[in-house]
Amino acid sequence: QYRPQLLTAKSDGKEAFATPRSWEMASDVIKQFGSIQDARDVLPGIVGSGPAVEFMTFAKKSVMRQEIDALIANPTEAPLPDQLDRLWVLVSFLTSMCTTDEILDVCVALLPRLPAEFAMVLVRDLIKQQPKVVKHPSVIAFIQTHKVVLF
């Protein structure tokens, strides 16, 4: 029930608009293309520009949450995002959720796997939020390796 007003929209007769039928067509198109990303140029012509953009953004956020959950479950082996914006979301999420030892352990386990710039941001934010993290052996090793850039 996310944004039910996007299920139906009034038409001015000039542009595509959202209806249950057009959303069903959009679903069929996504299946044919294989992904929302591959169908991104077609979706606005089926459900309208605004609803298509909101849908694609919502889908992207949902996928990102699944990636984050996979990393929390298995921080040493789950695939890392490869796009800068997704890496930033990951680091921001981890620092905002780092209130438990479980998430702190995930953060520390990800340090050697993250690109150096993102790992540095993560360490700086972790130190601000959880000062005890500086005693963790992995964090000590990371700081020793990157101390010139960090401080």
N, C-alpha and C. Protein backbone atom coordinates (compact mmCIF):
# COMPACT_ATOMS: atom_id res chain seq x y z
N GLN A 1 0.82 -1.19 0.00
CA GLN A 1 0.00 0.00 0.00
C GLN A 1 0.86 1.26 0.00
N TYR A 2 2.02 1.18 -0.62
CA TYR A 2 2.89 2.34 -0.74
C TYR A 2 2.34 3.23 -1.84
N ARG A 3 1.89 4.41 -1.48
CA ARG A 3 1.40 5.41 -2.43
C ARG A 3 0.25 4.87 -3.29
N PRO A 4 -0.89 4.53 -2.68
CA PRO A 4 -2.01 3.97 -3.45
C PRO A 4 -2.53 4.91 -4.54
N GLN A 5 -2.29 6.21 -4.41
CA GLN A 5 -2.74 7.15 -5.44
C GLN A 5 -2.03 6.92 -6.77
N LEU A 6 -0.91 6.17 -6.75
CA LEU A 6 -0.21 5.86 -8.00
C LEU A 6 -0.82 4.66 -8.72
N LEU A 7 -1.81 4.04 -8.09
CA LEU A 7 -2.48 2.92 -8.74
C LEU A 7 -3.43 3.42 -9.83
N THR A 8 -4.05 4.54 -9.57
CA THR A 8 -4.94 5.13 -10.57
C THR A 8 -4.67 6.63 -10.64
N ALA A 9 -4.72 7.16 -11.81
CA ALA A 9 -4.50 8.60 -12.01
C ALA A 9 -5.45 9.10 -13.07
N LYS A 10 -5.77 10.36 -13.00
CA LYS A 10 -6.64 10.95 -14.01
C LYS A 10 -5.83 11.28 -15.25
N SER A 11 -6.46 11.11 -16.38
CA SER A 11 -5.77 11.35 -17.64
C SER A 11 -6.20 12.68 -18.23
N ASP A 12 -5.22 13.36 -18.81
CA ASP A 12 -5.54 14.56 -19.58
C ASP A 12 -5.65 14.21 -21.06
N GLY A 13 -5.48 12.93 -21.36
CA GLY A 13 -5.59 12.46 -22.74
C GLY A 13 -4.32 12.61 -23.55
N LYS A 14 -3.29 13.23 -23.00
CA LYS A 14 -2.06 13.49 -23.75
C LYS A 14 -0.93 12.54 -23.38
N GLU A 15 -0.87 12.11 -22.13
CA GLU A 15 0.23 11.28 -21.68
C GLU A 15 -0.29 9.98 -21.08
N ALA A 16 0.61 9.02 -20.98
CA ALA A 16 0.27 7.77 -20.32
C ALA A 16 -0.04 8.04 -18.85
N PHE A 17 -0.87 7.21 -18.26
CA PHE A 17 -1.23 7.39 -16.87
C PHE A 17 -1.41 6.03 -16.20
N ALA A 18 -1.36 6.06 -14.89
CA ALA A 18 -1.39 4.82 -14.11
C ALA A 18 -2.82 4.31 -13.92
N THR A 19 -3.02 3.06 -14.26
CA THR A 19 -4.26 2.33 -13.99
C THR A 19 -3.86 0.91 -13.60
N PRO A 20 -4.76 0.16 -13.00
CA PRO A 20 -4.40 -1.23 -12.72
C PRO A 20 -3.96 -1.97 -13.99
N ARG A 21 -4.62 -1.69 -15.10
CA ARG A 21 -4.25 -2.35 -16.36
C ARG A 21 -2.86 -1.92 -16.82
N SER A 22 -2.53 -0.63 -16.71
CA SER A 22 -1.20 -0.19 -17.16
C SER A 22 -0.10 -0.74 -16.25
N TRP A 23 -0.39 -0.87 -14.95
CA TRP A 23 0.60 -1.48 -14.05
C TRP A 23 0.81 -2.95 -14.40
N GLU A 24 -0.26 -3.64 -14.78
CA GLU A 24 -0.13 -5.03 -15.21
C GLU A 24 0.73 -5.11 -16.47
N MET A 25 0.51 -4.17 -17.40
CA MET A 25 1.33 -4.12 -18.61
C MET A 25 2.79 -3.84 -18.25
N ALA A 26 3.00 -2.93 -17.31
CA ALA A 26 4.37 -2.62 -16.87
C ALA A 26 5.04 -3.86 -16.29
N SER A 27 4.29 -4.62 -15.51
CA SER A 27 4.82 -5.87 -14.95
C SER A 27 5.22 -6.84 -16.05
N ASP A 28 4.38 -6.96 -17.08
CA ASP A 28 4.69 -7.85 -18.20
C ASP A 28 5.95 -7.38 -18.94
N VAL A 29 6.07 -6.07 -19.13
CA VAL A 29 7.24 -5.51 -19.83
C VAL A 29 8.51 -5.78 -19.03
N ILE A 30 8.45 -5.59 -17.72
CA ILE A 30 9.63 -5.84 -16.87
C ILE A 30 10.04 -7.29 -16.98
N LYS A 31 9.07 -8.19 -16.97
CA LYS A 31 9.39 -9.62 -17.13
C LYS A 31 10.06 -9.88 -18.47
N GLN A 32 9.55 -9.26 -19.53
CA GLN A 32 10.12 -9.46 -20.87
C GLN A 32 11.54 -8.90 -20.97
N PHE A 33 11.76 -7.73 -20.38
CA PHE A 33 13.09 -7.11 -20.43
C PHE A 33 14.07 -7.78 -19.48
N GLY A 34 13.55 -8.38 -18.42
CA GLY A 34 14.40 -9.08 -17.47
C GLY A 34 14.73 -8.29 -16.22
N SER A 35 14.57 -6.97 -16.25
CA SER A 35 14.82 -6.16 -15.06
C SER A 35 14.17 -4.79 -15.23
N ILE A 36 13.96 -4.14 -14.10
CA ILE A 36 13.39 -2.79 -14.13
C ILE A 36 14.37 -1.85 -14.82
N GLN A 37 15.64 -2.02 -14.55
CA GLN A 37 16.67 -1.16 -15.15
C GLN A 37 16.63 -1.24 -16.67
N ASP A 38 16.47 -2.44 -17.20
CA ASP A 38 16.44 -2.60 -18.66
C ASP A 38 15.16 -2.02 -19.26
N ALA A 39 14.09 -1.95 -18.47
CA ALA A 39 12.80 -1.45 -18.97
C ALA A 39 12.58 0.02 -18.65
N ARG A 40 13.59 0.70 -18.11
CA ARG A 40 13.41 2.07 -17.62
C ARG A 40 12.96 3.06 -18.68
N ASP A 41 13.33 2.85 -19.93
CA ASP A 41 12.93 3.79 -20.98
C ASP A 41 11.49 3.58 -21.43
N VAL A 42 10.95 2.40 -21.17
CA VAL A 42 9.61 2.05 -21.64
C VAL A 42 8.54 2.36 -20.59
N LEU A 43 8.89 2.22 -19.33
CA LEU A 43 7.90 2.36 -18.25
C LEU A 43 7.16 3.69 -18.23
N PRO A 44 7.82 4.83 -18.45
CA PRO A 44 7.07 6.09 -18.45
C PRO A 44 5.97 6.13 -19.52
N GLY A 45 6.17 5.45 -20.62
CA GLY A 45 5.16 5.41 -21.66
C GLY A 45 3.98 4.52 -21.33
N ILE A 46 4.12 3.72 -20.29
CA ILE A 46 3.05 2.80 -19.89
C ILE A 46 2.25 3.35 -18.71
N VAL A 47 2.94 3.82 -17.67
CA VAL A 47 2.25 4.27 -16.46
C VAL A 47 2.37 5.77 -16.21
N GLY A 48 3.10 6.47 -17.06
CA GLY A 48 3.31 7.90 -16.87
C GLY A 48 4.68 8.17 -16.26
N SER A 49 5.20 9.35 -16.49
CA SER A 49 6.56 9.69 -16.05
C SER A 49 6.72 9.68 -14.53
N GLY A 50 5.85 10.38 -13.84
CA GLY A 50 5.96 10.48 -12.38
C GLY A 50 5.86 9.12 -11.69
N PRO A 51 4.79 8.36 -11.96
CA PRO A 51 4.68 7.04 -11.33
C PRO A 51 5.84 6.11 -11.69
N ALA A 52 6.34 6.20 -12.92
CA ALA A 52 7.45 5.33 -13.33
C ALA A 52 8.71 5.66 -12.54
N VAL A 53 9.01 6.94 -12.38
CA VAL A 53 10.21 7.34 -11.62
C VAL A 53 10.08 6.91 -10.16
N GLU A 54 8.91 7.13 -9.57
CA GLU A 54 8.72 6.72 -8.18
C GLU A 54 8.85 5.21 -8.02
N PHE A 55 8.29 4.47 -8.95
CA PHE A 55 8.37 3.01 -8.90
C PHE A 55 9.82 2.55 -9.01
N MET A 56 10.57 3.11 -9.94
CA MET A 56 11.97 2.69 -10.12
C MET A 56 12.81 3.04 -8.89
N THR A 57 12.55 4.19 -8.28
CA THR A 57 13.26 4.59 -7.07
C THR A 57 12.92 3.65 -5.91
N PHE A 58 11.64 3.35 -5.76
CA PHE A 58 11.20 2.43 -4.71
C PHE A 58 11.84 1.06 -4.89
N ALA A 59 11.86 0.57 -6.12
CA ALA A 59 12.45 -0.75 -6.39
C ALA A 59 13.94 -0.75 -6.09
N LYS A 60 14.62 0.34 -6.44
CA LYS A 60 16.06 0.43 -6.18
C LYS A 60 16.34 0.41 -4.68
N LYS A 61 15.53 1.13 -3.91
CA LYS A 61 15.71 1.14 -2.45
C LYS A 61 15.44 -0.24 -1.86
N SER A 62 14.45 -0.93 -2.39
CA SER A 62 14.13 -2.27 -1.89
C SER A 62 15.28 -3.23 -2.14
N VAL A 63 15.86 -3.16 -3.32
CA VAL A 63 17.00 -4.02 -3.64
C VAL A 63 18.18 -3.67 -2.74
N MET A 64 18.40 -2.40 -2.50
CA MET A 64 19.50 -1.97 -1.63
C MET A 64 19.33 -2.54 -0.23
N ARG A 65 18.13 -2.55 0.28
CA ARG A 65 17.88 -3.09 1.62
C ARG A 65 18.21 -4.58 1.65
N GLN A 66 17.89 -5.29 0.57
CA GLN A 66 18.21 -6.72 0.50
C GLN A 66 19.73 -6.92 0.50
N GLU A 67 20.46 -6.07 -0.22
CA GLU A 67 21.92 -6.15 -0.24
C GLU A 67 22.50 -5.90 1.16
N ILE A 68 21.96 -4.92 1.85
CA ILE A 68 22.43 -4.60 3.20
C ILE A 68 22.15 -5.76 4.14
N ASP A 69 20.96 -6.33 4.06
CA ASP A 69 20.62 -7.47 4.92
C ASP A 69 21.56 -8.64 4.65
N ALA A 70 21.90 -8.87 3.39
CA ALA A 70 22.83 -9.95 3.05
C ALA A 70 24.22 -9.68 3.63
N LEU A 71 24.65 -8.43 3.59
CA LEU A 71 25.96 -8.07 4.16
C LEU A 71 25.97 -8.20 5.68
N ILE A 72 24.87 -7.88 6.31
CA ILE A 72 24.79 -8.04 7.77
C ILE A 72 24.84 -9.52 8.13
N ALA A 73 24.17 -10.34 7.34
CA ALA A 73 24.15 -11.78 7.60
C ALA A 73 25.51 -12.43 7.34
N ASN A 74 26.24 -11.91 6.35
CA ASN A 74 27.52 -12.52 5.98
C ASN A 74 28.50 -11.44 5.50
N PRO A 75 29.05 -10.66 6.43
CA PRO A 75 29.88 -9.52 6.04
C PRO A 75 31.20 -9.88 5.35
N THR A 76 31.65 -11.09 5.49
CA THR A 76 32.94 -11.44 4.88
C THR A 76 32.80 -11.96 3.46
N GLU A 77 31.59 -12.39 3.06
CA GLU A 77 31.45 -12.99 1.74
C GLU A 77 30.36 -12.40 0.86
N ALA A 78 29.36 -11.77 1.44
CA ALA A 78 28.27 -11.21 0.63
C ALA A 78 28.84 -10.15 -0.30
N PRO A 79 28.33 -10.07 -1.52
CA PRO A 79 28.87 -9.08 -2.46
C PRO A 79 28.61 -7.64 -2.00
N LEU A 80 29.63 -6.82 -2.20
CA LEU A 80 29.50 -5.39 -1.89
C LEU A 80 28.87 -4.67 -3.08
N PRO A 81 28.16 -3.58 -2.81
CA PRO A 81 27.67 -2.77 -3.93
C PRO A 81 28.86 -2.26 -4.74
N ASP A 82 28.67 -2.10 -6.04
CA ASP A 82 29.79 -1.62 -6.87
C ASP A 82 29.57 -0.20 -7.38
N GLN A 83 28.46 0.41 -7.02
CA GLN A 83 28.20 1.79 -7.43
C GLN A 83 28.44 2.71 -6.23
N LEU A 84 28.97 3.88 -6.51
CA LEU A 84 29.32 4.81 -5.44
C LEU A 84 28.13 5.20 -4.58
N ASP A 85 26.98 5.47 -5.20
CA ASP A 85 25.82 5.88 -4.42
C ASP A 85 25.36 4.75 -3.50
N ARG A 86 25.46 3.52 -3.95
CA ARG A 86 25.05 2.38 -3.15
C ARG A 86 26.04 2.12 -2.01
N LEU A 87 27.32 2.34 -2.27
CA LEU A 87 28.32 2.24 -1.20
C LEU A 87 28.07 3.30 -0.13
N TRP A 88 27.72 4.50 -0.56
CA TRP A 88 27.45 5.59 0.38
C TRP A 88 26.23 5.24 1.24
N VAL A 89 25.19 4.69 0.61
CA VAL A 89 24.00 4.27 1.36
C VAL A 89 24.38 3.20 2.38
N LEU A 90 25.20 2.26 1.98
CA LEU A 90 25.63 1.19 2.89
C LEU A 90 26.36 1.76 4.10
N VAL A 91 27.35 2.61 3.86
CA VAL A 91 28.13 3.19 4.96
C VAL A 91 27.23 4.04 5.86
N SER A 92 26.36 4.84 5.27
CA SER A 92 25.45 5.67 6.05
C SER A 92 24.51 4.82 6.90
N PHE A 93 23.99 3.77 6.30
CA PHE A 93 23.09 2.87 7.03
C PHE A 93 23.82 2.23 8.21
N LEU A 94 25.01 1.71 7.95
CA LEU A 94 25.75 1.03 9.01
C LEU A 94 26.07 1.96 10.17
N THR A 95 26.50 3.17 9.87
CA THR A 95 26.83 4.09 10.97
C THR A 95 25.58 4.51 11.73
N SER A 96 24.47 4.66 11.04
CA SER A 96 23.24 5.05 11.74
C SER A 96 22.68 3.90 12.57
N MET A 97 22.95 2.67 12.19
CA MET A 97 22.42 1.51 12.90
C MET A 97 23.42 0.89 13.88
N CYS A 98 24.56 1.49 14.01
CA CYS A 98 25.63 0.90 14.81
C CYS A 98 25.40 1.15 16.30
N THR A 99 24.33 0.61 16.81
CA THR A 99 24.02 0.73 18.23
C THR A 99 24.13 -0.60 18.95
N THR A 100 24.38 -1.66 18.19
CA THR A 100 24.53 -2.99 18.78
C THR A 100 25.90 -3.55 18.43
N ASP A 101 26.34 -4.49 19.24
CA ASP A 101 27.63 -5.13 18.97
C ASP A 101 27.59 -5.92 17.67
N GLU A 102 26.41 -6.45 17.32
CA GLU A 102 26.29 -7.21 16.07
C GLU A 102 26.62 -6.33 14.86
N ILE A 103 26.04 -5.14 14.80
CA ILE A 103 26.30 -4.24 13.67
C ILE A 103 27.72 -3.71 13.75
N LEU A 104 28.22 -3.48 14.94
CA LEU A 104 29.61 -3.04 15.09
C LEU A 104 30.56 -4.10 14.53
N ASP A 105 30.28 -5.36 14.80
CA ASP A 105 31.10 -6.45 14.25
C ASP A 105 31.03 -6.50 12.73
N VAL A 106 29.84 -6.23 12.19
CA VAL A 106 29.68 -6.18 10.73
C VAL A 106 30.52 -5.06 10.15
N CYS A 107 30.46 -3.89 10.78
CA CYS A 107 31.24 -2.73 10.30
C CYS A 107 32.73 -3.05 10.28
N VAL A 108 33.21 -3.63 11.35
CA VAL A 108 34.63 -3.96 11.45
C VAL A 108 35.02 -5.00 10.42
N ALA A 109 34.15 -5.98 10.20
CA ALA A 109 34.44 -7.02 9.20
C ALA A 109 34.47 -6.46 7.79
N LEU A 110 33.71 -5.40 7.54
CA LEU A 110 33.66 -4.81 6.20
C LEU A 110 34.83 -3.87 5.91
N LEU A 111 35.51 -3.39 6.93
CA LEU A 111 36.59 -2.41 6.71
C LEU A 111 37.59 -2.84 5.64
N PRO A 112 38.15 -4.04 5.71
CA PRO A 112 39.14 -4.39 4.68
C PRO A 112 38.53 -4.63 3.30
N ARG A 113 37.24 -4.81 3.23
CA ARG A 113 36.58 -5.09 1.95
C ARG A 113 36.12 -3.83 1.23
N LEU A 114 35.85 -2.78 1.98
CA LEU A 114 35.35 -1.54 1.38
C LEU A 114 36.47 -0.79 0.67
N PRO A 115 36.12 -0.02 -0.38
CA PRO A 115 37.12 0.89 -0.94
C PRO A 115 37.63 1.81 0.18
N ALA A 116 38.89 2.15 0.14
CA ALA A 116 39.54 2.89 1.23
C ALA A 116 38.78 4.15 1.64
N GLU A 117 38.28 4.91 0.66
CA GLU A 117 37.59 6.16 0.98
C GLU A 117 36.35 5.91 1.82
N PHE A 118 35.60 4.87 1.47
CA PHE A 118 34.38 4.56 2.21
C PHE A 118 34.70 3.95 3.57
N ALA A 119 35.75 3.16 3.64
CA ALA A 119 36.17 2.59 4.91
C ALA A 119 36.60 3.70 5.87
N MET A 120 37.26 4.73 5.35
CA MET A 120 37.69 5.85 6.20
C MET A 120 36.49 6.60 6.76
N VAL A 121 35.49 6.83 5.92
CA VAL A 121 34.27 7.49 6.40
C VAL A 121 33.61 6.63 7.47
N LEU A 122 33.55 5.34 7.23
CA LEU A 122 32.94 4.43 8.19
C LEU A 122 33.69 4.47 9.53
N VAL A 123 35.01 4.42 9.49
CA VAL A 123 35.80 4.45 10.73
C VAL A 123 35.60 5.77 11.46
N ARG A 124 35.67 6.88 10.76
CA ARG A 124 35.49 8.18 11.41
C ARG A 124 34.13 8.27 12.09
N ASP A 125 33.09 7.85 11.38
CA ASP A 125 31.74 7.91 11.95
C ASP A 125 31.57 6.93 13.11
N LEU A 126 32.18 5.76 12.99
CA LEU A 126 32.10 4.78 14.08
C LEU A 126 32.77 5.31 15.34
N ILE A 127 33.92 5.94 15.18
CA ILE A 127 34.65 6.48 16.33
C ILE A 127 33.81 7.55 17.03
N LYS A 128 33.12 8.38 16.25
CA LYS A 128 32.26 9.41 16.84
C LYS A 128 31.10 8.77 17.61
N GLN A 129 30.56 7.71 17.05
CA GLN A 129 29.37 7.09 17.63
C GLN A 129 29.70 6.06 18.71
N GLN A 130 30.73 5.29 18.50
CA GLN A 130 31.11 4.20 19.41
C GLN A 130 32.62 4.31 19.70
N PRO A 131 33.04 5.20 20.56
CA PRO A 131 34.47 5.38 20.81
C PRO A 131 35.22 4.09 21.17
N LYS A 132 34.53 3.13 21.75
CA LYS A 132 35.20 1.87 22.13
C LYS A 132 35.72 1.10 20.92
N VAL A 133 35.26 1.44 19.73
CA VAL A 133 35.68 0.72 18.53
C VAL A 133 37.17 0.87 18.27
N VAL A 134 37.78 1.92 18.78
CA VAL A 134 39.22 2.12 18.54
C VAL A 134 40.08 1.06 19.20
N LYS A 135 39.51 0.28 20.10
CA LYS A 135 40.25 -0.80 20.76
C LYS A 135 40.17 -2.12 20.00
N HIS A 136 39.34 -2.16 18.99
CA HIS A 136 39.19 -3.41 18.22
C HIS A 136 40.44 -3.62 17.37
N PRO A 137 41.01 -4.83 17.36
CA PRO A 137 42.25 -5.08 16.61
C PRO A 137 42.16 -4.74 15.12
N SER A 138 41.03 -5.01 14.49
CA SER A 138 40.89 -4.69 13.06
C SER A 138 40.88 -3.19 12.83
N VAL A 139 40.26 -2.46 13.74
CA VAL A 139 40.23 -1.00 13.61
C VAL A 139 41.62 -0.42 13.86
N ILE A 140 42.31 -0.96 14.84
CA ILE A 140 43.69 -0.51 15.11
C ILE A 140 44.56 -0.73 13.87
N ALA A 141 44.44 -1.90 13.26
CA ALA A 141 45.22 -2.19 12.05
C ALA A 141 44.85 -1.25 10.92
N PHE A 142 43.56 -0.97 10.77
CA PHE A 142 43.11 -0.06 9.71
C PHE A 142 43.67 1.34 9.95
N ILE A 143 43.58 1.81 11.18
CA ILE A 143 44.09 3.15 11.51
C ILE A 143 45.59 3.22 11.27
N GLN A 144 46.33 2.20 11.64
CA GLN A 144 47.78 2.19 11.41
C GLN A 144 48.10 2.29 9.92
N THR A 145 47.32 1.58 9.12
CA THR A 145 47.56 1.58 7.67
C THR A 145 47.20 2.92 7.04
N HIS A 146 46.15 3.57 7.54
CA HIS A 146 45.63 4.78 6.90
C HIS A 146 45.76 6.03 7.76
N LYS A 147 46.63 6.03 8.76
CA LYS A 147 46.70 7.15 9.69
C LYS A 147 47.06 8.47 9.04
N VAL A 148 47.84 8.44 7.99
CA VAL A 148 48.22 9.69 7.33
C VAL A 148 47.00 10.37 6.72
N VAL A 149 46.12 9.60 6.18
CA VAL A 149 44.92 10.16 5.55
C VAL A 149 43.84 10.45 6.57
N LEU A 150 43.72 9.61 7.58
CA LEU A 150 42.66 9.76 8.57
C LEU A 150 42.84 10.97 9.47
N PHE A 151 44.07 11.25 9.87
CA PHE A 151 44.27 12.29 10.89
C PHE A 151 45.08 13.43 10.37
